[in-house]
Every structure is written in C-alpha cells, then in structure tokens.
Amino acid sequence: MLRLLAVVTVAAVVAVVLRRRPAGTTGDHARAGLLIAAGADFVPWAVYWGLLLP
C-alpha cells in the first residue's frame, strides 16, 4: 500500500511539473515551486526506504 502511494505521489509531482504554466500569480508560482521541491526531496527518500524499488 505504501509503495502504491509513493508511486501516486511521484506521478502527481510529474504532472505538476508538466502542467506548469508560465502565466499566473506569484502565489501560484510559489505553491508549484514548493510542491516540486517537496517532490524532489521525496524521491530519494522513497528510494532509500525501498518504496520505489521493484
């Protein structure tokens, strides 16, 4: 179950990266940037704990 949630989390971060729009408010850019940063931190953590390994 945790592996599935980890995969869904990474997929959601990838979707945010791909759908990022250049126009928008500063709050939108900050929110997307924080989400992308959290996702970038999550991936190595999940690999370390074996959640993204087959």
N, C-alpha and C. Protein backbone atom coordinates (compact mmCIF):
# COMPACT_ATOMS: atom_id res chain seq x y z
N MET A 1 0.82 -1.18 0.00
CA MET A 1 0.00 0.00 0.00
C MET A 1 0.87 1.26 0.00
N LEU A 2 1.95 1.25 0.79
CA LEU A 2 2.84 2.41 0.82
C LEU A 2 3.55 2.61 -0.52
N ARG A 3 3.89 1.51 -1.17
CA ARG A 3 4.52 1.63 -2.49
C ARG A 3 3.58 2.27 -3.49
N LEU A 4 2.33 1.91 -3.46
CA LEU A 4 1.33 2.49 -4.36
C LEU A 4 1.19 3.99 -4.10
N LEU A 5 1.14 4.38 -2.84
CA LEU A 5 1.04 5.80 -2.51
C LEU A 5 2.29 6.57 -2.94
N ALA A 6 3.45 5.94 -2.83
CA ALA A 6 4.68 6.58 -3.26
C ALA A 6 4.68 6.80 -4.77
N VAL A 7 4.22 5.81 -5.51
CA VAL A 7 4.15 5.94 -6.97
C VAL A 7 3.14 7.01 -7.37
N VAL A 8 2.01 7.06 -6.71
CA VAL A 8 1.00 8.08 -6.99
C VAL A 8 1.54 9.47 -6.68
N THR A 9 2.28 9.60 -5.60
CA THR A 9 2.87 10.88 -5.24
C THR A 9 3.86 11.35 -6.29
N VAL A 10 4.72 10.47 -6.75
CA VAL A 10 5.69 10.84 -7.78
C VAL A 10 4.97 11.19 -9.08
N ALA A 11 3.94 10.45 -9.42
CA ALA A 11 3.17 10.76 -10.64
C ALA A 11 2.49 12.13 -10.54
N ALA A 12 2.00 12.47 -9.36
CA ALA A 12 1.37 13.77 -9.17
C ALA A 12 2.38 14.90 -9.31
N VAL A 13 3.57 14.71 -8.79
CA VAL A 13 4.61 15.74 -8.92
C VAL A 13 5.02 15.89 -10.38
N VAL A 14 5.15 14.78 -11.09
CA VAL A 14 5.49 14.85 -12.52
C VAL A 14 4.39 15.58 -13.28
N ALA A 15 3.13 15.33 -12.94
CA ALA A 15 2.02 16.02 -13.59
C ALA A 15 2.07 17.52 -13.33
N VAL A 16 2.43 17.92 -12.13
CA VAL A 16 2.56 19.34 -11.81
C VAL A 16 3.69 19.97 -12.62
N VAL A 17 4.80 19.26 -12.73
CA VAL A 17 5.93 19.79 -13.50
C VAL A 17 5.54 19.95 -14.97
N LEU A 18 4.84 18.99 -15.52
CA LEU A 18 4.47 19.05 -16.93
C LEU A 18 3.39 20.07 -17.22
N ARG A 19 2.51 20.36 -16.27
CA ARG A 19 1.40 21.28 -16.50
C ARG A 19 1.65 22.69 -15.96
N ARG A 20 2.87 22.95 -15.53
CA ARG A 20 3.19 24.28 -15.01
C ARG A 20 2.99 25.32 -16.09
N ARG A 21 2.28 26.39 -15.75
CA ARG A 21 2.01 27.45 -16.71
C ARG A 21 2.93 28.63 -16.44
N PRO A 22 3.41 29.29 -17.49
CA PRO A 22 4.27 30.44 -17.27
C PRO A 22 3.53 31.65 -16.69
N ALA A 23 2.25 31.80 -17.02
CA ALA A 23 1.47 32.93 -16.50
C ALA A 23 0.78 32.52 -15.21
N GLY A 24 0.60 33.47 -14.33
CA GLY A 24 -0.07 33.20 -13.07
C GLY A 24 0.41 34.15 -12.01
N THR A 25 -0.19 34.05 -10.86
CA THR A 25 0.18 34.93 -9.77
C THR A 25 1.44 34.42 -9.08
N THR A 26 2.02 35.27 -8.28
CA THR A 26 3.22 34.89 -7.54
C THR A 26 2.93 33.75 -6.58
N GLY A 27 1.73 33.75 -6.00
CA GLY A 27 1.34 32.67 -5.09
C GLY A 27 1.27 31.33 -5.79
N ASP A 28 0.79 31.35 -7.04
CA ASP A 28 0.73 30.10 -7.80
C ASP A 28 2.13 29.57 -8.08
N HIS A 29 3.04 30.47 -8.43
CA HIS A 29 4.42 30.05 -8.71
C HIS A 29 5.08 29.52 -7.44
N ALA A 30 4.85 30.18 -6.33
CA ALA A 30 5.45 29.74 -5.07
C ALA A 30 4.90 28.38 -4.65
N ARG A 31 3.61 28.20 -4.80
CA ARG A 31 2.97 26.94 -4.43
C ARG A 31 3.50 25.80 -5.29
N ALA A 32 3.59 26.03 -6.60
CA ALA A 32 4.10 24.99 -7.50
C ALA A 32 5.57 24.70 -7.21
N GLY A 33 6.34 25.75 -6.93
CA GLY A 33 7.76 25.56 -6.61
C GLY A 33 7.96 24.74 -5.35
N LEU A 34 7.15 25.02 -4.33
CA LEU A 34 7.26 24.25 -3.09
C LEU A 34 6.86 22.79 -3.30
N LEU A 35 5.83 22.57 -4.11
CA LEU A 35 5.39 21.21 -4.39
C LEU A 35 6.46 20.44 -5.16
N ILE A 36 7.09 21.10 -6.12
CA ILE A 36 8.14 20.45 -6.90
C ILE A 36 9.36 20.17 -6.01
N ALA A 37 9.70 21.12 -5.14
CA ALA A 37 10.82 20.90 -4.22
C ALA A 37 10.54 19.75 -3.27
N ALA A 38 9.32 19.67 -2.77
CA ALA A 38 8.96 18.56 -1.88
C ALA A 38 9.03 17.22 -2.62
N GLY A 39 8.58 17.22 -3.86
CA GLY A 39 8.66 16.00 -4.67
C GLY A 39 10.09 15.60 -4.95
N ALA A 40 10.96 16.59 -5.18
CA ALA A 40 12.37 16.29 -5.42
C ALA A 40 13.02 15.73 -4.16
N ASP A 41 12.57 16.16 -3.00
CA ASP A 41 13.08 15.59 -1.74
C ASP A 41 12.47 14.22 -1.46
N PHE A 42 11.24 14.01 -1.90
CA PHE A 42 10.55 12.76 -1.62
C PHE A 42 11.16 11.58 -2.38
N VAL A 43 11.54 11.81 -3.63
CA VAL A 43 12.03 10.69 -4.46
C VAL A 43 13.24 10.00 -3.86
N PRO A 44 14.32 10.72 -3.48
CA PRO A 44 15.45 10.00 -2.86
C PRO A 44 15.09 9.33 -1.54
N TRP A 45 14.21 9.97 -0.77
CA TRP A 45 13.77 9.38 0.50
C TRP A 45 13.04 8.07 0.24
N ALA A 46 12.14 8.07 -0.75
CA ALA A 46 11.36 6.86 -1.06
C ALA A 46 12.26 5.76 -1.60
N VAL A 47 13.26 6.13 -2.39
CA VAL A 47 14.20 5.12 -2.89
C VAL A 47 15.01 4.55 -1.74
N TYR A 48 15.45 5.41 -0.82
CA TYR A 48 16.23 4.95 0.34
C TYR A 48 15.44 3.93 1.16
N TRP A 49 14.16 4.18 1.35
CA TRP A 49 13.34 3.27 2.15
C TRP A 49 12.78 2.12 1.32
N GLY A 50 13.12 2.06 0.04
CA GLY A 50 12.71 0.94 -0.80
C GLY A 50 11.28 1.01 -1.30
N LEU A 51 10.68 2.19 -1.27
CA LEU A 51 9.28 2.30 -1.70
C LEU A 51 9.14 2.40 -3.21
N LEU A 52 10.17 2.84 -3.90
CA LEU A 52 10.11 2.97 -5.35
C LEU A 52 10.94 1.91 -6.06
N LEU A 53 11.46 0.96 -5.32
CA LEU A 53 12.24 -0.11 -5.92
C LEU A 53 11.33 -1.30 -6.22
N PRO A 54 11.61 -2.01 -7.30
CA PRO A 54 10.74 -3.16 -7.65
C PRO A 54 10.83 -4.29 -6.66
